[in-house]
Amino acid sequence: MATLIVSYPAAKGARFDRDYYLATHLPLARAAWSGFGLQSAEVLFPAAGPTPLVAMAILRFRAQADIDAALSSPGTAKVLGDVANFTDIAPTIFRADDE
C-alpha cells in the first residue's frame, strides 16, 4: 500500500468550497486515477476552531509506482486544473512512507 496525501493549509480569507470538492473534484480524481491503482480516497475536514488545515485527502494506491503512473497520466492535468474551481489555496502534495 502507498499513500498520497493532499493537504490544503488554512489561510485567513482563503476560499474552499467543501460541497464542490466532495461532489465534483473527488470523483474527478477517482475517475482519473482508478485505472492506476487508486484503491481508496478519504477526505478529512478538521473540527471547528483554529487549525493548520482546511482539508486533507488521503489517497491509497497499491504501490508507489502506481502513484508515479497516476501523477504522470493525462487525467492529472484535468484534476489539477480543477483545483481553482473550489479553492484559492495551493495544495501541498506528499507521499507517506508506508511501504
PDB file of N, CA and C in Angstrom:
ATOM      1  N   MET A   1       0.850  -1.176   0.000  1.00  0.00           N
ATOM      2  CA  MET A   1       0.000   0.000   0.000  1.00  0.00           C
ATOM      3  C   MET A   1       0.893   1.235   0.000  1.00  0.00           C
ATOM      4  N   ALA A   2       0.496   2.233  -0.759  1.00  0.00           N
ATOM      5  CA  ALA A   2       1.217   3.504  -0.828  1.00  0.00           C
ATOM      6  C   ALA A   2       0.191   4.627  -0.688  1.00  0.00           C
ATOM      7  N   THR A   3       0.588   5.697  -0.028  1.00  0.00           N
ATOM      8  CA  THR A   3      -0.348   6.776   0.277  1.00  0.00           C
ATOM      9  C   THR A   3       0.140   8.104  -0.262  1.00  0.00           C
ATOM     10  N   LEU A   4      -0.760   8.793  -0.942  1.00  0.00           N
ATOM     11  CA  LEU A   4      -0.536  10.153  -1.404  1.00  0.00           C
ATOM     12  C   LEU A   4      -1.443  11.044  -0.565  1.00  0.00           C
ATOM     13  N   ILE A   5      -0.889  12.084   0.017  1.00  0.00           N
ATOM     14  CA  ILE A   5      -1.653  12.989   0.874  1.00  0.00           C
ATOM     15  C   ILE A   5      -1.672  14.358   0.227  1.00  0.00           C
ATOM     16  N   VAL A   6      -2.869  14.923   0.130  1.00  0.00           N
ATOM     17  CA  VAL A   6      -3.046  16.267  -0.416  1.00  0.00           C
ATOM     18  C   VAL A   6      -3.670  17.098   0.688  1.00  0.00           C
ATOM     19  N   SER A   7      -2.951  18.109   1.148  1.00  0.00           N
ATOM     20  CA  SER A   7      -3.478  18.953   2.217  1.00  0.00           C
ATOM     21  C   SER A   7      -3.638  20.386   1.729  1.00  0.00           C
ATOM     22  N   TYR A   8      -4.594  21.053   2.329  1.00  0.00           N
ATOM     23  CA  TYR A   8      -4.918  22.438   1.982  1.00  0.00           C
ATOM     24  C   TYR A   8      -4.715  23.277   3.230  1.00  0.00           C
ATOM     25  N   PRO A   9      -3.598  24.007   3.318  1.00  0.00           N
ATOM     26  CA  PRO A   9      -3.294  24.800   4.508  1.00  0.00           C
ATOM     27  C   PRO A   9      -4.324  25.917   4.720  1.00  0.00           C
ATOM     28  N   ALA A  10      -4.665  26.127   5.966  1.00  0.00           N
ATOM     29  CA  ALA A  10      -5.596  27.205   6.310  1.00  0.00           C
ATOM     30  C   ALA A  10      -4.899  28.550   6.130  1.00  0.00           C
ATOM     31  N   ALA A  11      -5.643  29.521   5.616  1.00  0.00           N
ATOM     32  CA  ALA A  11      -5.134  30.880   5.455  1.00  0.00           C
ATOM     33  C   ALA A  11      -6.315  31.833   5.616  1.00  0.00           C
ATOM     34  N   LYS A  12      -6.086  32.899   6.319  1.00  0.00           N
ATOM     35  CA  LYS A  12      -7.154  33.875   6.554  1.00  0.00           C
ATOM     36  C   LYS A  12      -7.700  34.377   5.215  1.00  0.00           C
ATOM     37  N   GLY A  13      -9.011  34.300   5.057  1.00  0.00           N
ATOM     38  CA  GLY A  13      -9.661  34.783   3.844  1.00  0.00           C
ATOM     39  C   GLY A  13      -9.627  33.824   2.679  1.00  0.00           C
ATOM     40  N   ALA A  14      -9.041  32.645   2.869  1.00  0.00           N
ATOM     41  CA  ALA A  14      -8.955  31.674   1.773  1.00  0.00           C
ATOM     42  C   ALA A  14     -10.337  31.089   1.485  1.00  0.00           C
ATOM     43  N   ARG A  15     -10.527  30.734   0.231  1.00  0.00           N
ATOM     44  CA  ARG A  15     -11.795  30.143  -0.219  1.00  0.00           C
ATOM     45  C   ARG A  15     -11.597  28.634  -0.393  1.00  0.00           C
ATOM     46  N   PHE A  16     -12.549  27.855   0.133  1.00  0.00           N
ATOM     47  CA  PHE A  16     -12.566  26.408  -0.063  1.00  0.00           C
ATOM     48  C   PHE A  16     -14.020  25.969  -0.083  1.00  0.00           C
ATOM     49  N   ASP A  17     -14.491  25.507  -1.237  1.00  0.00           N
ATOM     50  CA  ASP A  17     -15.873  25.070  -1.415  1.00  0.00           C
ATOM     51  C   ASP A  17     -15.955  23.567  -1.145  1.00  0.00           C
ATOM     52  N   ARG A  18     -16.313  23.236   0.071  1.00  0.00           N
ATOM     53  CA  ARG A  18     -16.358  21.844   0.515  1.00  0.00           C
ATOM     54  C   ARG A  18     -17.344  21.014  -0.317  1.00  0.00           C
ATOM     55  N   ASP A  19     -18.504  21.567  -0.621  1.00  0.00           N
ATOM     56  CA  ASP A  19     -19.504  20.832  -1.397  1.00  0.00           C
ATOM     57  C   ASP A  19     -18.989  20.495  -2.792  1.00  0.00           C
ATOM     58  N   TYR A  20     -18.359  21.467  -3.467  1.00  0.00           N
ATOM     59  CA  TYR A  20     -17.801  21.219  -4.801  1.00  0.00           C
ATOM     60  C   TYR A  20     -16.707  20.158  -4.711  1.00  0.00           C
ATOM     61  N   TYR A  21     -15.869  20.278  -3.714  1.00  0.00           N
ATOM     62  CA  TYR A  21     -14.770  19.331  -3.546  1.00  0.00           C
ATOM     63  C   TYR A  21     -15.299  17.894  -3.457  1.00  0.00           C
ATOM     64  N   LEU A  22     -16.315  17.685  -2.611  1.00  0.00           N
ATOM     65  CA  LEU A  22     -16.854  16.344  -2.406  1.00  0.00           C
ATOM     66  C   LEU A  22     -17.669  15.844  -3.594  1.00  0.00           C
ATOM     67  N   ALA A  23     -18.453  16.737  -4.205  1.00  0.00           N
ATOM     68  CA  ALA A  23     -19.366  16.320  -5.275  1.00  0.00           C
ATOM     69  C   ALA A  23     -18.709  16.240  -6.645  1.00  0.00           C
ATOM     70  N   THR A  24     -17.679  17.049  -6.875  1.00  0.00           N
ATOM     71  CA  THR A  24     -17.097  17.134  -8.214  1.00  0.00           C
ATOM     72  C   THR A  24     -15.614  16.770  -8.258  1.00  0.00           C
ATOM     73  N   HIS A  25     -14.809  17.405  -7.417  1.00  0.00           N
ATOM     74  CA  HIS A  25     -13.362  17.217  -7.521  1.00  0.00           C
ATOM     75  C   HIS A  25     -12.926  15.802  -7.125  1.00  0.00           C
ATOM     76  N   LEU A  26     -13.412  15.321  -6.005  1.00  0.00           N
ATOM     77  CA  LEU A  26     -13.011  13.983  -5.563  1.00  0.00           C
ATOM     78  C   LEU A  26     -13.428  12.907  -6.574  1.00  0.00           C
ATOM     79  N   PRO A  27     -14.656  12.934  -7.103  1.00  0.00           N
ATOM     80  CA  PRO A  27     -14.996  11.956  -8.144  1.00  0.00           C
ATOM     81  C   PRO A  27     -14.125  12.092  -9.400  1.00  0.00           C
ATOM     82  N   LEU A  28     -13.725  13.318  -9.736  1.00  0.00           N
ATOM     83  CA  LEU A  28     -12.836  13.534 -10.879  1.00  0.00           C
ATOM     84  C   LEU A  28     -11.491  12.842 -10.641  1.00  0.00           C
ATOM     85  N   ALA A  29     -10.936  13.008  -9.444  1.00  0.00           N
ATOM     86  CA  ALA A  29      -9.661  12.358  -9.114  1.00  0.00           C
ATOM     87  C   ALA A  29      -9.812  10.836  -9.126  1.00  0.00           C
ATOM     88  N   ARG A  30     -10.905  10.337  -8.572  1.00  0.00           N
ATOM     89  CA  ARG A  30     -11.131   8.885  -8.575  1.00  0.00           C
ATOM     90  C   ARG A  30     -11.203   8.347 -10.000  1.00  0.00           C
ATOM     91  N   ALA A  31     -11.929   9.049 -10.856  1.00  0.00           N
ATOM     92  CA  ALA A  31     -12.060   8.606 -12.252  1.00  0.00           C
ATOM     93  C   ALA A  31     -10.720   8.637 -12.978  1.00  0.00           C
ATOM     94  N   ALA A  32      -9.931   9.678 -12.723  1.00  0.00           N
ATOM     95  CA  ALA A  32      -8.642   9.832 -13.405  1.00  0.00           C
ATOM     96  C   ALA A  32      -7.628   8.779 -12.955  1.00  0.00           C
ATOM     97  N   TRP A  33      -7.662   8.382 -11.691  1.00  0.00           N
ATOM     98  CA  TRP A  33      -6.599   7.554 -11.138  1.00  0.00           C
ATOM     99  C   TRP A  33      -6.996   6.128 -10.781  1.00  0.00           C
ATOM    100  N   SER A  34      -8.262   5.776 -10.893  1.00  0.00           N
ATOM    101  CA  SER A  34      -8.659   4.416 -10.511  1.00  0.00           C
ATOM    102  C   SER A  34      -8.002   3.364 -11.405  1.00  0.00           C
ATOM    103  N   GLY A  35      -7.719   3.705 -12.647  1.00  0.00           N
ATOM    104  CA  GLY A  35      -7.042   2.781 -13.544  1.00  0.00           C
ATOM    105  C   GLY A  35      -5.550   2.663 -13.279  1.00  0.00           C
ATOM    106  N   PHE A  36      -5.062   3.443 -12.335  1.00  0.00           N
ATOM    107  CA  PHE A  36      -3.630   3.437 -11.998  1.00  0.00           C
ATOM    108  C   PHE A  36      -3.395   2.965 -10.568  1.00  0.00           C
ATOM    109  N   GLY A  37      -4.307   2.154 -10.056  1.00  0.00           N
ATOM    110  CA  GLY A  37      -4.083   1.553  -8.746  1.00  0.00           C
ATOM    111  C   GLY A  37      -4.654   2.306  -7.568  1.00  0.00           C
ATOM    112  N   LEU A  38      -5.435   3.364  -7.797  1.00  0.00           N
ATOM    113  CA  LEU A  38      -6.083   4.044  -6.677  1.00  0.00           C
ATOM    114  C   LEU A  38      -7.105   3.098  -6.077  1.00  0.00           C
ATOM    115  N   GLN A  39      -6.947   2.804  -4.792  1.00  0.00           N
ATOM    116  CA  GLN A  39      -7.839   1.870  -4.123  1.00  0.00           C
ATOM    117  C   GLN A  39      -8.868   2.559  -3.245  1.00  0.00           C
ATOM    118  N   SER A  40      -8.513   3.696  -2.669  1.00  0.00           N
ATOM    119  CA  SER A  40      -9.463   4.418  -1.834  1.00  0.00           C
ATOM    120  C   SER A  40      -9.056   5.879  -1.736  1.00  0.00           C
ATOM    121  N   ALA A  41     -10.059   6.704  -1.432  1.00  0.00           N
ATOM    122  CA  ALA A  41      -9.835   8.133  -1.236  1.00  0.00           C
ATOM    123  C   ALA A  41     -10.685   8.575  -0.059  1.00  0.00           C
ATOM    124  N   GLU A  42     -10.041   9.177   0.910  1.00  0.00           N
ATOM    125  CA  GLU A  42     -10.721   9.638   2.117  1.00  0.00           C
ATOM    126  C   GLU A  42     -10.408  11.111   2.298  1.00  0.00           C
ATOM    127  N   VAL A  43     -11.409  11.882   2.695  1.00  0.00           N
ATOM    128  CA  VAL A  43     -11.207  13.305   2.943  1.00  0.00           C
ATOM    129  C   VAL A  43     -11.503  13.590   4.403  1.00  0.00           C
ATOM    130  N   LEU A  44     -10.624  14.334   5.028  1.00  0.00           N
ATOM    131  CA  LEU A  44     -10.800  14.732   6.416  1.00  0.00           C
ATOM    132  C   LEU A  44     -10.936  16.246   6.483  1.00  0.00           C
ATOM    133  N   PHE A  45     -11.928  16.698   7.230  1.00  0.00           N
ATOM    134  CA  PHE A  45     -12.116  18.115   7.493  1.00  0.00           C
ATOM    135  C   PHE A  45     -11.957  18.311   8.995  1.00  0.00           C
ATOM    136  N   PRO A  46     -11.120  19.251   9.411  1.00  0.00           N
ATOM    137  CA  PRO A  46     -10.904  19.440  10.840  1.00  0.00           C
ATOM    138  C   PRO A  46     -12.165  19.963  11.541  1.00  0.00           C
ATOM    139  N   ALA A  47     -12.231  19.707  12.826  1.00  0.00           N
ATOM    140  CA  ALA A  47     -13.315  20.228  13.644  1.00  0.00           C
ATOM    141  C   ALA A  47     -13.207  21.753  13.686  1.00  0.00           C
ATOM    142  N   ALA A  48     -14.287  22.382  14.057  1.00  0.00           N
ATOM    143  CA  ALA A  48     -14.312  23.850  14.142  1.00  0.00           C
ATOM    144  C   ALA A  48     -13.242  24.344  15.106  1.00  0.00           C
ATOM    145  N   GLY A  49     -12.746  25.523  14.819  1.00  0.00           N
ATOM    146  CA  GLY A  49     -11.726  26.126  15.665  1.00  0.00           C
ATOM    147  C   GLY A  49     -10.449  26.339  14.882  1.00  0.00           C
ATOM    148  N   PRO A  50      -9.472  26.937  15.493  1.00  0.00           N
ATOM    149  CA  PRO A  50      -8.197  27.166  14.811  1.00  0.00           C
ATOM    150  C   PRO A  50      -7.534  25.847  14.424  1.00  0.00           C
ATOM    151  N   THR A  51      -7.087  25.773  13.203  1.00  0.00           N
ATOM    152  CA  THR A  51      -6.448  24.559  12.702  1.00  0.00           C
ATOM    153  C   THR A  51      -5.499  24.922  11.574  1.00  0.00           C
ATOM    154  N   PRO A  52      -4.448  24.157  11.370  1.00  0.00           N
ATOM    155  CA  PRO A  52      -3.500  24.478  10.297  1.00  0.00           C
ATOM    156  C   PRO A  52      -3.979  24.063   8.905  1.00  0.00           C
ATOM    157  N   LEU A  53      -5.058  23.250   8.843  1.00  0.00           N
ATOM    158  CA  LEU A  53      -5.537  22.756   7.556  1.00  0.00           C
ATOM    159  C   LEU A  53      -7.025  23.018   7.380  1.00  0.00           C
ATOM    160  N   VAL A  54      -7.423  23.211   6.120  1.00  0.00           N
ATOM    161  CA  VAL A  54      -8.837  23.315   5.764  1.00  0.00           C
ATOM    162  C   VAL A  54      -9.373  21.922   5.438  1.00  0.00           C
ATOM    163  N   ALA A  55      -8.539  21.116   4.776  1.00  0.00           N
ATOM    164  CA  ALA A  55      -8.923  19.753   4.392  1.00  0.00           C
ATOM    165  C   ALA A  55      -7.671  18.943   4.093  1.00  0.00           C
ATOM    166  N   MET A  56      -7.850  17.624   4.149  1.00  0.00           N
ATOM    167  CA  MET A  56      -6.768  16.710   3.786  1.00  0.00           C
ATOM    168  C   MET A  56      -7.381  15.498   3.098  1.00  0.00           C
ATOM    169  N   ALA A  57      -6.826  15.144   1.949  1.00  0.00           N
ATOM    170  CA  ALA A  57      -7.249  13.937   1.239  1.00  0.00           C
ATOM    171  C   ALA A  57      -6.164  12.884   1.398  1.00  0.00           C
ATOM    172  N   ILE A  58      -6.594  11.673   1.687  1.00  0.00           N
ATOM    173  CA  ILE A  58      -5.690  10.542   1.828  1.00  0.00           C
ATOM    174  C   ILE A  58      -6.046   9.569   0.719  1.00  0.00           C
ATOM    175  N   LEU A  59      -5.140   9.442  -0.239  1.00  0.00           N
ATOM    176  CA  LEU A  59      -5.364   8.604  -1.423  1.00  0.00           C
ATOM    177  C   LEU A  59      -4.463   7.380  -1.327  1.00  0.00           C
ATOM    178  N   ARG A  60      -5.076   6.215  -1.281  1.00  0.00           N
ATOM    179  CA  ARG A  60      -4.312   4.978  -1.130  1.00  0.00           C
ATOM    180  C   ARG A  60      -4.231   4.229  -2.460  1.00  0.00           C
ATOM    181  N   PHE A  61      -2.992   3.908  -2.822  1.00  0.00           N
ATOM    182  CA  PHE A  61      -2.683   3.192  -4.058  1.00  0.00           C
ATOM    183  C   PHE A  61      -2.056   1.847  -3.694  1.00  0.00           C
ATOM    184  N   ARG A  62      -1.989   0.946  -4.676  1.00  0.00           N
ATOM    185  CA  ARG A  62      -1.365  -0.368  -4.438  1.00  0.00           C
ATOM    186  C   ARG A  62       0.119  -0.229  -4.114  1.00  0.00           C
ATOM    187  N   ALA A  63       0.816   0.686  -4.830  1.00  0.00           N
ATOM    188  CA  ALA A  63       2.273   0.809  -4.672  1.00  0.00           C
ATOM    189  C   ALA A  63       2.710   2.213  -5.081  1.00  0.00           C
ATOM    190  N   GLN A  64       3.924   2.576  -4.682  1.00  0.00           N
ATOM    191  CA  GLN A  64       4.464   3.885  -5.052  1.00  0.00           C
ATOM    192  C   GLN A  64       4.528   4.046  -6.571  1.00  0.00           C
ATOM    193  N   ALA A  65       4.840   2.978  -7.281  1.00  0.00           N
ATOM    194  CA  ALA A  65       4.896   3.049  -8.745  1.00  0.00           C
ATOM    195  C   ALA A  65       3.540   3.426  -9.332  1.00  0.00           C
ATOM    196  N   ASP A  66       2.468   3.021  -8.674  1.00  0.00           N
ATOM    197  CA  ASP A  66       1.129   3.394  -9.134  1.00  0.00           C
ATOM    198  C   ASP A  66       0.885   4.893  -8.955  1.00  0.00           C
ATOM    199  N   ILE A  67       1.395   5.449  -7.869  1.00  0.00           N
ATOM    200  CA  ILE A  67       1.285   6.904  -7.679  1.00  0.00           C
ATOM    201  C   ILE A  67       2.031   7.615  -8.794  1.00  0.00           C
ATOM    202  N   ASP A  68       3.248   7.151  -9.100  1.00  0.00           N
ATOM    203  CA  ASP A  68       4.025   7.750 -10.192  1.00  0.00           C
ATOM    204  C   ASP A  68       3.249   7.706 -11.502  1.00  0.00           C
ATOM    205  N   ALA A  69       2.656   6.553 -11.798  1.00  0.00           N
ATOM    206  CA  ALA A  69       1.906   6.394 -13.044  1.00  0.00           C
ATOM    207  C   ALA A  69       0.680   7.300 -13.060  1.00  0.00           C
ATOM    208  N   ALA A  70      -0.024   7.376 -11.942  1.00  0.00           N
ATOM    209  CA  ALA A  70      -1.213   8.231 -11.867  1.00  0.00           C
ATOM    210  C   ALA A  70      -0.851   9.697 -12.073  1.00  0.00           C
ATOM    211  N   LEU A  71       0.186  10.150 -11.383  1.00  0.00           N
ATOM    212  CA  LEU A  71       0.554  11.566 -11.466  1.00  0.00           C
ATOM    213  C   LEU A  71       1.096  11.956 -12.842  1.00  0.00           C
ATOM    214  N   SER A  72       1.615  10.998 -13.584  1.00  0.00           N
ATOM    215  CA  SER A  72       2.116  11.316 -14.928  1.00  0.00           C
ATOM    216  C   SER A  72       1.089  11.011 -16.015  1.00  0.00           C
ATOM    217  N   SER A  73      -0.093  10.594 -15.619  1.00  0.00           N
ATOM    218  CA  SER A  73      -1.137  10.264 -16.597  1.00  0.00           C
ATOM    219  C   SER A  73      -1.807  11.529 -17.140  1.00  0.00           C
ATOM    220  N   PRO A  74      -2.413  11.440 -18.317  1.00  0.00           N
ATOM    221  CA  PRO A  74      -3.091  12.599 -18.910  1.00  0.00           C
ATOM    222  C   PRO A  74      -4.218  13.166 -18.047  1.00  0.00           C
ATOM    223  N   GLY A  75      -4.900  12.338 -17.259  1.00  0.00           N
ATOM    224  CA  GLY A  75      -6.001  12.806 -16.425  1.00  0.00           C
ATOM    225  C   GLY A  75      -5.578  13.723 -15.300  1.00  0.00           C
ATOM    226  N   THR A  76      -4.306  13.678 -14.932  1.00  0.00           N
ATOM    227  CA  THR A  76      -3.823  14.514 -13.833  1.00  0.00           C
ATOM    228  C   THR A  76      -3.936  15.995 -14.162  1.00  0.00           C
ATOM    229  N   ALA A  77      -3.710  16.371 -15.400  1.00  0.00           N
ATOM    230  CA  ALA A  77      -3.839  17.783 -15.784  1.00  0.00           C
ATOM    231  C   ALA A  77      -5.253  18.286 -15.522  1.00  0.00           C
ATOM    232  N   LYS A  78      -6.243  17.442 -15.794  1.00  0.00           N
ATOM    233  CA  LYS A  78      -7.631  17.828 -15.545  1.00  0.00           C
ATOM    234  C   LYS A  78      -7.904  17.945 -14.044  1.00  0.00           C
ATOM    235  N   VAL A  79      -7.378  17.030 -13.256  1.00  0.00           N
ATOM    236  CA  VAL A  79      -7.550  17.069 -11.802  1.00  0.00           C
ATOM    237  C   VAL A  79      -6.921  18.344 -11.234  1.00  0.00           C
ATOM    238  N   LEU A  80      -5.694  18.613 -11.614  1.00  0.00           N
ATOM    239  CA  LEU A  80      -5.015  19.809 -11.106  1.00  0.00           C
ATOM    240  C   LEU A  80      -5.665  21.091 -11.616  1.00  0.00           C
ATOM    241  N   GLY A  81      -6.141  21.072 -12.848  1.00  0.00           N
ATOM    242  CA  GLY A  81      -6.804  22.244 -13.404  1.00  0.00           C
ATOM    243  C   GLY A  81      -8.122  22.556 -12.721  1.00  0.00           C
ATOM    244  N   ASP A  82      -8.717  21.570 -12.089  1.00  0.00           N
ATOM    245  CA  ASP A  82      -9.996  21.757 -11.409  1.00  0.00           C
ATOM    246  C   ASP A  82      -9.851  22.421 -10.042  1.00  0.00           C
ATOM    247  N   VAL A  83      -8.667  22.435  -9.481  1.00  0.00           N
ATOM    248  CA  VAL A  83      -8.450  22.985  -8.139  1.00  0.00           C
ATOM    249  C   VAL A  83      -8.976  24.417  -8.023  1.00  0.00           C
ATOM    250  N   ALA A  84      -8.752  25.230  -9.028  1.00  0.00           N
ATOM    251  CA  ALA A  84      -9.200  26.635  -8.982  1.00  0.00           C
ATOM    252  C   ALA A  84     -10.714  26.761  -8.903  1.00  0.00           C
ATOM    253  N   ASN A  85     -11.444  25.700  -9.230  1.00  0.00           N
ATOM    254  CA  ASN A  85     -12.902  25.751  -9.162  1.00  0.00           C
ATOM    255  C   ASN A  85     -13.436  25.661  -7.734  1.00  0.00           C
ATOM    256  N   PHE A  86     -12.615  25.193  -6.789  1.00  0.00           N
ATOM    257  CA  PHE A  86     -13.112  25.078  -5.419  1.00  0.00           C
ATOM    258  C   PHE A  86     -12.259  25.785  -4.371  1.00  0.00           C
ATOM    259  N   THR A  87     -11.051  26.211  -4.741  1.00  0.00           N
ATOM    260  CA  THR A  87     -10.215  26.883  -3.743  1.00  0.00           C
ATOM    261  C   THR A  87      -9.186  27.796  -4.383  1.00  0.00           C
ATOM    262  N   ASP A  88      -8.710  28.733  -3.585  1.00  0.00           N
ATOM    263  CA  ASP A  88      -7.573  29.556  -3.989  1.00  0.00           C
ATOM    264  C   ASP A  88      -6.335  29.197  -3.161  1.00  0.00           C
ATOM    265  N   ILE A  89      -6.413  28.085  -2.465  1.00  0.00           N
ATOM    266  CA  ILE A  89      -5.299  27.575  -1.657  1.00  0.00           C
ATOM    267  C   ILE A  89      -4.451  26.645  -2.525  1.00  0.00           C
ATOM    268  N   ALA A  90      -3.156  26.838  -2.510  1.00  0.00           N
ATOM    269  CA  ALA A  90      -2.243  25.924  -3.211  1.00  0.00           C
ATOM    270  C   ALA A  90      -2.089  24.662  -2.358  1.00  0.00           C
ATOM    271  N   PRO A  91      -2.475  23.505  -2.882  1.00  0.00           N
ATOM    272  CA  PRO A  91      -2.365  22.287  -2.083  1.00  0.00           C
ATOM    273  C   PRO A  91      -0.908  21.855  -1.897  1.00  0.00           C
ATOM    274  N   THR A  92      -0.680  21.189  -0.782  1.00  0.00           N
ATOM    275  CA  THR A  92       0.601  20.555  -0.513  1.00  0.00           C
ATOM    276  C   THR A  92       0.404  19.064  -0.771  1.00  0.00           C
ATOM    277  N   ILE A  93       1.243  18.498  -1.627  1.00  0.00           N
ATOM    278  CA  ILE A  93       1.104  17.101  -2.005  1.00  0.00           C
ATOM    279  C   ILE A  93       2.364  16.360  -1.591  1.00  0.00           C
ATOM    280  N   PHE A  94       2.174  15.278  -0.831  1.00  0.00           N
ATOM    281  CA  PHE A  94       3.334  14.486  -0.411  1.00  0.00           C
ATOM    282  C   PHE A  94       2.931  13.037  -0.222  1.00  0.00           C
ATOM    283  N   ARG A  95       3.931  12.186  -0.150  1.00  0.00           N
ATOM    284  CA  ARG A  95       3.714  10.756   0.000  1.00  0.00           C
ATOM    285  C   ARG A  95       4.038  10.339   1.430  1.00  0.00           C
ATOM    286  N   ALA A  96       3.270   9.387   1.924  1.00  0.00           N
ATOM    287  CA  ALA A  96       3.603   8.779   3.198  1.00  0.00           C
ATOM    288  C   ALA A  96       4.601   7.648   2.943  1.00  0.00           C
ATOM    289  N   ASP A  97       5.467   7.429   3.882  1.00  0.00           N
ATOM    290  CA  ASP A  97       6.460   6.358   3.772  1.00  0.00           C
ATOM    291  C   ASP A  97       5.882   5.100   4.403  1.00  0.00           C
ATOM    292  N   ASP A  98       4.994   4.444   3.645  1.00  0.00           N
ATOM    293  CA  ASP A  98       4.292   3.301   4.211  1.00  0.00           C
ATOM    294  C   ASP A  98       4.546   2.012   3.457  1.00  0.00           C
ATOM    295  N   GLU A  99       5.616   1.946   2.705  1.00  0.00           N
ATOM    296  CA  GLU A  99       5.937   0.693   2.020  1.00  0.00           C
ATOM    297  C   GLU A  99       7.150   0.059   2.653  1.00  0.00           C
TER     298      GLU A  99
END
